[in-house]
PDB file of N, CA and C in Angstrom:
ATOM      1  N   MET A   1       0.849  -1.181   0.000  1.00  0.00           N
ATOM      2  CA  MET A   1       0.000   0.000   0.000  1.00  0.00           C
ATOM      3  C   MET A   1       0.893   1.244   0.000  1.00  0.00           C
ATOM      4  N   SER A   2       0.685   2.115  -0.977  1.00  0.00           N
ATOM      5  CA  SER A   2       1.550   3.294  -1.078  1.00  0.00           C
ATOM      6  C   SER A   2       0.840   4.542  -0.572  1.00  0.00           C
ATOM      7  N   SER A   3       1.618   5.442  -0.014  1.00  0.00           N
ATOM      8  CA  SER A   3       1.093   6.715   0.464  1.00  0.00           C
ATOM      9  C   SER A   3       1.167   7.738  -0.644  1.00  0.00           C
ATOM     10  N   GLU A   4       0.223   8.652  -0.634  1.00  0.00           N
ATOM     11  CA  GLU A   4       0.265   9.764  -1.573  1.00  0.00           C
ATOM     12  C   GLU A   4       1.423  10.674  -1.178  1.00  0.00           C
ATOM     13  N   SER A   5       2.158  11.155  -2.167  1.00  0.00           N
ATOM     14  CA  SER A   5       3.230  12.101  -1.875  1.00  0.00           C
ATOM     15  C   SER A   5       3.254  13.179  -2.947  1.00  0.00           C
ATOM     16  N   ALA A   6       3.766  14.332  -2.581  1.00  0.00           N
ATOM     17  CA  ALA A   6       3.877  15.458  -3.505  1.00  0.00           C
ATOM     18  C   ALA A   6       5.034  16.329  -3.057  1.00  0.00           C
ATOM     19  N   GLU A   7       5.663  16.973  -4.028  1.00  0.00           N
ATOM     20  CA  GLU A   7       6.769  17.882  -3.723  1.00  0.00           C
ATOM     21  C   GLU A   7       6.806  18.954  -4.794  1.00  0.00           C
ATOM     22  N   SER A   8       7.080  20.171  -4.380  1.00  0.00           N
ATOM     23  CA  SER A   8       7.198  21.271  -5.328  1.00  0.00           C
ATOM     24  C   SER A   8       8.088  22.349  -4.740  1.00  0.00           C
ATOM     25  N   GLU A   9       8.647  23.167  -5.623  1.00  0.00           N
ATOM     26  CA  GLU A   9       9.503  24.276  -5.201  1.00  0.00           C
ATOM     27  C   GLU A   9       8.775  25.595  -5.433  1.00  0.00           C
ATOM     28  N   PHE A  10       8.921  26.501  -4.473  1.00  0.00           N
ATOM     29  CA  PHE A  10       8.289  27.814  -4.543  1.00  0.00           C
ATOM     30  C   PHE A  10       9.303  28.872  -4.131  1.00  0.00           C
ATOM     31  N   THR A  11       9.291  29.990  -4.823  1.00  0.00           N
ATOM     32  CA  THR A  11      10.189  31.092  -4.491  1.00  0.00           C
ATOM     33  C   THR A  11       9.499  32.024  -3.513  1.00  0.00           C
ATOM     34  N   ILE A  12      10.184  32.375  -2.432  1.00  0.00           N
ATOM     35  CA  ILE A  12       9.654  33.326  -1.456  1.00  0.00           C
ATOM     36  C   ILE A  12       9.639  34.706  -2.113  1.00  0.00           C
ATOM     37  N   LEU A  13       8.456  35.301  -2.228  1.00  0.00           N
ATOM     38  CA  LEU A  13       8.296  36.556  -2.959  1.00  0.00           C
ATOM     39  C   LEU A  13       8.192  37.789  -2.069  1.00  0.00           C
ATOM     40  N   ASN A  14       7.664  37.615  -0.867  1.00  0.00           N
ATOM     41  CA  ASN A  14       7.435  38.795  -0.026  1.00  0.00           C
ATOM     42  C   ASN A  14       8.751  39.372   0.486  1.00  0.00           C
ATOM     43  N   GLN A  15       8.766  40.682   0.628  1.00  0.00           N
ATOM     44  CA  GLN A  15       9.982  41.426   0.959  1.00  0.00           C
ATOM     45  C   GLN A  15      10.621  40.978   2.269  1.00  0.00           C
ATOM     46  N   LEU A  16       9.809  40.642   3.253  1.00  0.00           N
ATOM     47  CA  LEU A  16      10.339  40.288   4.572  1.00  0.00           C
ATOM     48  C   LEU A  16      10.699  38.806   4.696  1.00  0.00           C
ATOM     49  N   GLY A  17      10.445  38.028   3.647  1.00  0.00           N
ATOM     50  CA  GLY A  17      10.770  36.610   3.700  1.00  0.00           C
ATOM     51  C   GLY A  17       9.841  35.849   4.634  1.00  0.00           C
ATOM     52  N   LEU A  18      10.312  34.730   5.116  1.00  0.00           N
ATOM     53  CA  LEU A  18       9.505  33.862   5.972  1.00  0.00           C
ATOM     54  C   LEU A  18       9.685  34.282   7.431  1.00  0.00           C
ATOM     55  N   HIS A  19       9.156  35.465   7.760  1.00  0.00           N
ATOM     56  CA  HIS A  19       9.244  36.018   9.114  1.00  0.00           C
ATOM     57  C   HIS A  19       8.163  35.398   9.995  1.00  0.00           C
ATOM     58  N   ALA A  20       8.057  35.831  11.223  1.00  0.00           N
ATOM     59  CA  ALA A  20       7.190  35.178  12.212  1.00  0.00           C
ATOM     60  C   ALA A  20       5.731  35.081  11.777  1.00  0.00           C
ATOM     61  N   ARG A  21       5.152  36.160  11.286  1.00  0.00           N
ATOM     62  CA  ARG A  21       3.731  36.140  10.909  1.00  0.00           C
ATOM     63  C   ARG A  21       3.511  35.206   9.712  1.00  0.00           C
ATOM     64  N   ALA A  22       4.390  35.304   8.710  1.00  0.00           N
ATOM     65  CA  ALA A  22       4.276  34.440   7.533  1.00  0.00           C
ATOM     66  C   ALA A  22       4.481  32.974   7.921  1.00  0.00           C
ATOM     67  N   ALA A  23       5.460  32.715   8.774  1.00  0.00           N
ATOM     68  CA  ALA A  23       5.719  31.348   9.229  1.00  0.00           C
ATOM     69  C   ALA A  23       4.512  30.796   9.979  1.00  0.00           C
ATOM     70  N   ALA A  24       3.883  31.620  10.800  1.00  0.00           N
ATOM     71  CA  ALA A  24       2.707  31.184  11.552  1.00  0.00           C
ATOM     72  C   ALA A  24       1.568  30.813  10.605  1.00  0.00           C
ATOM     73  N   GLN A  25       1.385  31.581   9.541  1.00  0.00           N
ATOM     74  CA  GLN A  25       0.345  31.266   8.557  1.00  0.00           C
ATOM     75  C   GLN A  25       0.638  29.933   7.873  1.00  0.00           C
ATOM     76  N   LEU A  26       1.889  29.724   7.506  1.00  0.00           N
ATOM     77  CA  LEU A  26       2.276  28.488   6.835  1.00  0.00           C
ATOM     78  C   LEU A  26       2.063  27.290   7.763  1.00  0.00           C
ATOM     79  N   VAL A  27       2.488  27.409   9.006  1.00  0.00           N
ATOM     80  CA  VAL A  27       2.340  26.321   9.980  1.00  0.00           C
ATOM     81  C   VAL A  27       0.865  26.037  10.242  1.00  0.00           C
ATOM     82  N   GLN A  28       0.062  27.086  10.353  1.00  0.00           N
ATOM     83  CA  GLN A  28      -1.372  26.909  10.581  1.00  0.00           C
ATOM     84  C   GLN A  28      -1.998  26.133   9.418  1.00  0.00           C
ATOM     85  N   LEU A  29      -1.632  26.491   8.204  1.00  0.00           N
ATOM     86  CA  LEU A  29      -2.135  25.785   7.028  1.00  0.00           C
ATOM     87  C   LEU A  29      -1.649  24.333   7.018  1.00  0.00           C
ATOM     88  N   ALA A  30      -0.374  24.119   7.284  1.00  0.00           N
ATOM     89  CA  ALA A  30       0.188  22.760   7.299  1.00  0.00           C
ATOM     90  C   ALA A  30      -0.501  21.889   8.347  1.00  0.00           C
ATOM     91  N   ASN A  31      -0.848  22.474   9.479  1.00  0.00           N
ATOM     92  CA  ASN A  31      -1.499  21.711  10.545  1.00  0.00           C
ATOM     93  C   ASN A  31      -2.930  21.325  10.206  1.00  0.00           C
ATOM     94  N   ARG A  32      -3.537  21.995   9.232  1.00  0.00           N
ATOM     95  CA  ARG A  32      -4.872  21.604   8.778  1.00  0.00           C
ATOM     96  C   ARG A  32      -4.799  20.388   7.850  1.00  0.00           C
ATOM     97  N   CYS A  33      -3.618  20.095   7.341  1.00  0.00           N
ATOM     98  CA  CYS A  33      -3.420  18.949   6.442  1.00  0.00           C
ATOM     99  C   CYS A  33      -3.248  17.673   7.263  1.00  0.00           C
ATOM    100  N   LYS A  34      -3.757  16.570   6.740  1.00  0.00           N
ATOM    101  CA  LYS A  34      -3.621  15.287   7.430  1.00  0.00           C
ATOM    102  C   LYS A  34      -2.281  14.621   7.142  1.00  0.00           C
ATOM    103  N   CYS A  35      -1.582  15.105   6.120  1.00  0.00           N
ATOM    104  CA  CYS A  35      -0.299  14.506   5.727  1.00  0.00           C
ATOM    105  C   CYS A  35       0.857  15.118   6.521  1.00  0.00           C
ATOM    106  N   ASP A  36       2.017  14.484   6.418  1.00  0.00           N
ATOM    107  CA  ASP A  36       3.248  15.037   6.985  1.00  0.00           C
ATOM    108  C   ASP A  36       3.810  16.050   5.997  1.00  0.00           C
ATOM    109  N   VAL A  37       4.291  17.179   6.501  1.00  0.00           N
ATOM    110  CA  VAL A  37       4.810  18.248   5.650  1.00  0.00           C
ATOM    111  C   VAL A  37       6.237  18.568   6.082  1.00  0.00           C
ATOM    112  N   THR A  38       7.157  18.603   5.130  1.00  0.00           N
ATOM    113  CA  THR A  38       8.528  19.021   5.417  1.00  0.00           C
ATOM    114  C   THR A  38       8.922  20.138   4.465  1.00  0.00           C
ATOM    115  N   LEU A  39       9.805  21.000   4.952  1.00  0.00           N
ATOM    116  CA  LEU A  39      10.266  22.162   4.195  1.00  0.00           C
ATOM    117  C   LEU A  39      11.784  22.197   4.199  1.00  0.00           C
ATOM    118  N   LYS A  40      12.344  22.725   3.113  1.00  0.00           N
ATOM    119  CA  LYS A  40      13.799  22.866   3.004  1.00  0.00           C
ATOM    120  C   LYS A  40      14.075  24.036   2.076  1.00  0.00           C
ATOM    121  N   THR A  41      15.063  24.856   2.412  1.00  0.00           N
ATOM    122  CA  THR A  41      15.442  25.955   1.522  1.00  0.00           C
ATOM    123  C   THR A  41      16.562  25.505   0.595  1.00  0.00           C
ATOM    124  N   ASP A  42      16.881  26.367  -0.364  1.00  0.00           N
ATOM    125  CA  ASP A  42      17.933  26.042  -1.332  1.00  0.00           C
ATOM    126  C   ASP A  42      19.326  26.420  -0.842  1.00  0.00           C
ATOM    127  N   SER A  43      19.454  26.868   0.412  1.00  0.00           N
ATOM    128  CA  SER A  43      20.789  27.208   0.913  1.00  0.00           C
ATOM    129  C   SER A  43      21.575  25.921   1.179  1.00  0.00           C
ATOM    130  N   ASP A  44      22.888  26.002   1.063  1.00  0.00           N
ATOM    131  CA  ASP A  44      23.750  24.823   1.167  1.00  0.00           C
ATOM    132  C   ASP A  44      23.646  24.100   2.504  1.00  0.00           C
ATOM    133  N   ASP A  45      23.415  24.845   3.581  1.00  0.00           N
ATOM    134  CA  ASP A  45      23.405  24.227   4.909  1.00  0.00           C
ATOM    135  C   ASP A  45      21.995  23.947   5.436  1.00  0.00           C
ATOM    136  N   SER A  46      20.999  24.060   4.575  1.00  0.00           N
ATOM    137  CA  SER A  46      19.616  23.870   5.004  1.00  0.00           C
ATOM    138  C   SER A  46      19.313  22.398   5.261  1.00  0.00           C
ATOM    139  N   GLU A  47      18.600  22.155   6.351  1.00  0.00           N
ATOM    140  CA  GLU A  47      18.109  20.822   6.662  1.00  0.00           C
ATOM    141  C   GLU A  47      16.594  20.840   6.542  1.00  0.00           C
ATOM    142  N   SER A  48      16.006  19.695   6.283  1.00  0.00           N
ATOM    143  CA  SER A  48      14.551  19.600   6.224  1.00  0.00           C
ATOM    144  C   SER A  48      13.975  19.811   7.618  1.00  0.00           C
ATOM    145  N   VAL A  49      12.874  20.546   7.679  1.00  0.00           N
ATOM    146  CA  VAL A  49      12.210  20.790   8.960  1.00  0.00           C
ATOM    147  C   VAL A  49      10.746  20.387   8.854  1.00  0.00           C
ATOM    148  N   ASN A  50      10.144  20.133   9.992  1.00  0.00           N
ATOM    149  CA  ASN A  50       8.731  19.810  10.079  1.00  0.00           C
ATOM    150  C   ASN A  50       7.929  21.072   9.763  1.00  0.00           C
ATOM    151  N   GLY A  51       7.110  21.021   8.715  1.00  0.00           N
ATOM    152  CA  GLY A  51       6.307  22.171   8.322  1.00  0.00           C
ATOM    153  C   GLY A  51       5.187  22.494   9.289  1.00  0.00           C
ATOM    154  N   LYS A  52       4.966  21.628  10.273  1.00  0.00           N
ATOM    155  CA  LYS A  52       3.924  21.862  11.268  1.00  0.00           C
ATOM    156  C   LYS A  52       4.496  22.427  12.563  1.00  0.00           C
ATOM    157  N   SER A  53       5.787  22.726  12.560  1.00  0.00           N
ATOM    158  CA  SER A  53       6.474  23.250  13.740  1.00  0.00           C
ATOM    159  C   SER A  53       6.900  24.696  13.505  1.00  0.00           C
ATOM    160  N   ILE A  54       6.387  25.613  14.300  1.00  0.00           N
ATOM    161  CA  ILE A  54       6.739  27.026  14.126  1.00  0.00           C
ATOM    162  C   ILE A  54       8.235  27.235  14.326  1.00  0.00           C
ATOM    163  N   MET A  55       8.827  26.549  15.281  1.00  0.00           N
ATOM    164  CA  MET A  55      10.263  26.715  15.517  1.00  0.00           C
ATOM    165  C   MET A  55      11.073  26.213  14.325  1.00  0.00           C
ATOM    166  N   GLY A  56      10.676  25.078  13.781  1.00  0.00           N
ATOM    167  CA  GLY A  56      11.371  24.544  12.619  1.00  0.00           C
ATOM    168  C   GLY A  56      11.295  25.479  11.429  1.00  0.00           C
ATOM    169  N   VAL A  57      10.107  25.993  11.165  1.00  0.00           N
ATOM    170  CA  VAL A  57       9.910  26.885  10.017  1.00  0.00           C
ATOM    171  C   VAL A  57      10.693  28.180  10.214  1.00  0.00           C
ATOM    172  N   LEU A  58      10.686  28.728  11.416  1.00  0.00           N
ATOM    173  CA  LEU A  58      11.450  29.956  11.677  1.00  0.00           C
ATOM    174  C   LEU A  58      12.949  29.720  11.523  1.00  0.00           C
ATOM    175  N   MET A  59      13.418  28.522  11.884  1.00  0.00           N
ATOM    176  CA  MET A  59      14.848  28.219  11.766  1.00  0.00           C
ATOM    177  C   MET A  59      15.323  28.223  10.314  1.00  0.00           C
ATOM    178  N   LEU A  60      14.417  28.052   9.365  1.00  0.00           N
ATOM    179  CA  LEU A  60      14.805  28.103   7.954  1.00  0.00           C
ATOM    180  C   LEU A  60      15.318  29.485   7.563  1.00  0.00           C
ATOM    181  N   ALA A  61      14.765  30.520   8.213  1.00  0.00           N
ATOM    182  CA  ALA A  61      15.158  31.908   7.930  1.00  0.00           C
ATOM    183  C   ALA A  61      15.167  32.186   6.427  1.00  0.00           C
ATOM    184  N   ALA A  62      14.117  31.744   5.738  1.00  0.00           N
ATOM    185  CA  ALA A  62      14.034  31.906   4.286  1.00  0.00           C
ATOM    186  C   ALA A  62      13.806  33.369   3.923  1.00  0.00           C
ATOM    187  N   ALA A  63      14.700  33.914   3.129  1.00  0.00           N
ATOM    188  CA  ALA A  63      14.638  35.312   2.710  1.00  0.00           C
ATOM    189  C   ALA A  63      13.950  35.428   1.348  1.00  0.00           C
ATOM    190  N   GLN A  64      13.589  36.657   1.003  1.00  0.00           N
ATOM    191  CA  GLN A  64      13.002  36.922  -0.307  1.00  0.00           C
ATOM    192  C   GLN A  64      13.942  36.396  -1.397  1.00  0.00           C
ATOM    193  N   GLY A  65      13.380  35.700  -2.365  1.00  0.00           N
ATOM    194  CA  GLY A  65      14.161  35.163  -3.465  1.00  0.00           C
ATOM    195  C   GLY A  65      14.656  33.743  -3.257  1.00  0.00           C
ATOM    196  N   GLN A  66      14.610  33.255  -2.015  1.00  0.00           N
ATOM    197  CA  GLN A  66      15.044  31.875  -1.766  1.00  0.00           C
ATOM    198  C   GLN A  66      13.978  30.900  -2.240  1.00  0.00           C
ATOM    199  N   VAL A  67      14.429  29.729  -2.649  1.00  0.00           N
ATOM    200  CA  VAL A  67      13.521  28.675  -3.090  1.00  0.00           C
ATOM    201  C   VAL A  67      13.247  27.743  -1.912  1.00  0.00           C
ATOM    202  N   LEU A  68      11.960  27.494  -1.681  1.00  0.00           N
ATOM    203  CA  LEU A  68      11.521  26.622  -0.599  1.00  0.00           C
ATOM    204  C   LEU A  68      10.941  25.356  -1.222  1.00  0.00           C
ATOM    205  N   THR A  69      11.491  24.209  -0.857  1.00  0.00           N
ATOM    206  CA  THR A  69      10.949  22.931  -1.318  1.00  0.00           C
ATOM    207  C   THR A  69       9.949  22.449  -0.283  1.00  0.00           C
ATOM    208  N   VAL A  70       8.716  22.234  -0.726  1.00  0.00           N
ATOM    209  CA  VAL A  70       7.641  21.758   0.141  1.00  0.00           C
ATOM    210  C   VAL A  70       7.351  20.313  -0.249  1.00  0.00           C
ATOM    211  N   SER A  71       7.476  19.414   0.718  1.00  0.00           N
ATOM    212  CA  SER A  71       7.214  17.989   0.487  1.00  0.00           C
ATOM    213  C   SER A  71       6.120  17.535   1.443  1.00  0.00           C
ATOM    214  N   ALA A  72       5.246  16.668   0.945  1.00  0.00           N
ATOM    215  CA  ALA A  72       4.179  16.137   1.789  1.00  0.00           C
ATOM    216  C   ALA A  72       3.986  14.660   1.471  1.00  0.00           C
ATOM    217  N   VAL A  73       3.698  13.887   2.518  1.00  0.00           N
ATOM    218  CA  VAL A  73       3.441  12.456   2.373  1.00  0.00           C
ATOM    219  C   VAL A  73       2.227  12.114   3.221  1.00  0.00           C
ATOM    220  N   GLY A  74       1.257  11.461   2.600  1.00  0.00           N
ATOM    221  CA  GLY A  74       0.066  11.048   3.317  1.00  0.00           C
ATOM    222  C   GLY A  74      -1.187  11.543   2.628  1.00  0.00           C
ATOM    223  N   PRO A  75      -2.331  11.365   3.282  1.00  0.00           N
ATOM    224  CA  PRO A  75      -3.606  11.749   2.682  1.00  0.00           C
ATOM    225  C   PRO A  75      -3.650  13.242   2.336  1.00  0.00           C
ATOM    226  N   GLY A  76      -4.046  13.556   1.110  1.00  0.00           N
ATOM    227  CA  GLY A  76      -4.189  14.948   0.699  1.00  0.00           C
ATOM    228  C   GLY A  76      -2.883  15.668   0.439  1.00  0.00           C
ATOM    229  N   ALA A  77      -1.802  14.934   0.213  1.00  0.00           N
ATOM    230  CA  ALA A  77      -0.478  15.551   0.053  1.00  0.00           C
ATOM    231  C   ALA A  77      -0.445  16.569  -1.083  1.00  0.00           C
ATOM    232  N   ALA A  78      -0.994  16.215  -2.233  1.00  0.00           N
ATOM    233  CA  ALA A  78      -0.946  17.121  -3.390  1.00  0.00           C
ATOM    234  C   ALA A  78      -1.708  18.412  -3.110  1.00  0.00           C
ATOM    235  N   ASP A  79      -2.884  18.295  -2.499  1.00  0.00           N
ATOM    236  CA  ASP A  79      -3.670  19.490  -2.174  1.00  0.00           C
ATOM    237  C   ASP A  79      -2.945  20.361  -1.166  1.00  0.00           C
ATOM    238  N   CYS A  80      -2.316  19.741  -0.190  1.00  0.00           N
ATOM    239  CA  CYS A  80      -1.594  20.488   0.836  1.00  0.00           C
ATOM    240  C   CYS A  80      -0.439  21.277   0.223  1.00  0.00           C
ATOM    241  N   VAL A  81       0.356  20.628  -0.624  1.00  0.00           N
ATOM    242  CA  VAL A  81       1.478  21.313  -1.278  1.00  0.00           C
ATOM    243  C   VAL A  81       0.957  22.457  -2.144  1.00  0.00           C
ATOM    244  N   ARG A  82      -0.141  22.210  -2.865  1.00  0.00           N
ATOM    245  CA  ARG A  82      -0.723  23.258  -3.711  1.00  0.00           C
ATOM    246  C   ARG A  82      -1.175  24.457  -2.877  1.00  0.00           C
ATOM    247  N   GLU A  83      -1.851  24.207  -1.763  1.00  0.00           N
ATOM    248  CA  GLU A  83      -2.342  25.295  -0.911  1.00  0.00           C
ATOM    249  C   GLU A  83      -1.187  26.091  -0.302  1.00  0.00           C
ATOM    250  N   ILE A  84      -0.145  25.419   0.128  1.00  0.00           N
ATOM    251  CA  ILE A  84       1.026  26.122   0.660  1.00  0.00           C
ATOM    252  C   ILE A  84       1.665  26.958  -0.443  1.00  0.00           C
ATOM    253  N   GLY A  85       1.736  26.400  -1.643  1.00  0.00           N
ATOM    254  CA  GLY A  85       2.267  27.150  -2.783  1.00  0.00           C
ATOM    255  C   GLY A  85       1.466  28.404  -3.077  1.00  0.00           C
ATOM    256  N   GLU A  86       0.142  28.314  -2.967  1.00  0.00           N
ATOM    257  CA  GLU A  86      -0.715  29.483  -3.181  1.00  0.00           C
ATOM    258  C   GLU A  86      -0.460  30.540  -2.113  1.00  0.00           C
ATOM    259  N   LEU A  87      -0.295  30.117  -0.875  1.00  0.00           N
ATOM    260  CA  LEU A  87       0.002  31.050   0.213  1.00  0.00           C
ATOM    261  C   LEU A  87       1.306  31.789  -0.058  1.00  0.00           C
ATOM    262  N   ILE A  88       2.326  31.064  -0.496  1.00  0.00           N
ATOM    263  CA  ILE A  88       3.622  31.672  -0.806  1.00  0.00           C
ATOM    264  C   ILE A  88       3.493  32.607  -2.001  1.00  0.00           C
ATOM    265  N   ALA A  89       2.783  32.166  -3.050  1.00  0.00           N
ATOM    266  CA  ALA A  89       2.605  32.983  -4.257  1.00  0.00           C
ATOM    267  C   ALA A  89       1.857  34.277  -3.955  1.00  0.00           C
ATOM    268  N   ASN A  90       0.963  34.231  -2.973  1.00  0.00           N
ATOM    269  CA  ASN A  90       0.206  35.426  -2.570  1.00  0.00           C
ATOM    270  C   ASN A  90       0.961  36.254  -1.538  1.00  0.00           C
ATOM    271  N   ARG A  91       2.247  35.983  -1.374  1.00  0.00           N
ATOM    272  CA  ARG A  91       3.123  36.721  -0.457  1.00  0.00           C
ATOM    273  C   ARG A  91       2.564  36.750   0.971  1.00  0.00           C
ATOM    274  N   PHE A  92       1.925  35.659   1.369  1.00  0.00           N
ATOM    275  CA  PHE A  92       1.377  35.547   2.727  1.00  0.00           C
ATOM    276  C   PHE A  92       0.407  36.689   3.030  1.00  0.00           C
ATOM    277  N   GLY A  93      -0.237  37.229   1.990  1.00  0.00           N
ATOM    278  CA  GLY A  93      -1.203  38.304   2.154  1.00  0.00           C
ATOM    279  C   GLY A  93      -0.585  39.672   2.330  1.00  0.00           C
ATOM    280  N   GLU A  94       0.714  39.779   2.135  1.00  0.00           N
ATOM    281  CA  GLU A  94       1.400  41.064   2.292  1.00  0.00           C
ATOM    282  C   GLU A  94       1.470  41.798   0.954  1.00  0.00           C
ATOM    283  N   ALA A  95       1.489  43.123   1.010  1.00  0.00           N
ATOM    284  CA  ALA A  95       1.522  43.936  -0.208  1.00  0.00           C
ATOM    285  C   ALA A  95       2.840  43.777  -0.957  1.00  0.00           C
ATOM    286  N   GLN A  96       3.938  43.618  -0.219  1.00  0.00           N
ATOM    287  CA  GLN A  96       5.252  43.529  -0.869  1.00  0.00           C
ATOM    288  C   GLN A  96       5.941  42.235  -0.536  1.00  0.00           C
TER     289      GLN A  96
END
């Protein structure tokens, strides 16, 4: 029996990057998903973090222009990755 999985890359567009408010929105969305969510930036020393952990997401310190890889495994993985991608594309609701 195989689990659903999905992965996609998204560029952080908002000027302030993945700061506390944006990270909280991402974590809140990830926690609504039934699947496991992991995040990783394109920096050389980046490690994968739990997308449902505010501390993990903040530790990424993803700046504007960085690429964030969103991976999900489990029920609804594709929808979860898509929704997180939409949140990032909409700059977490910020004007810049």
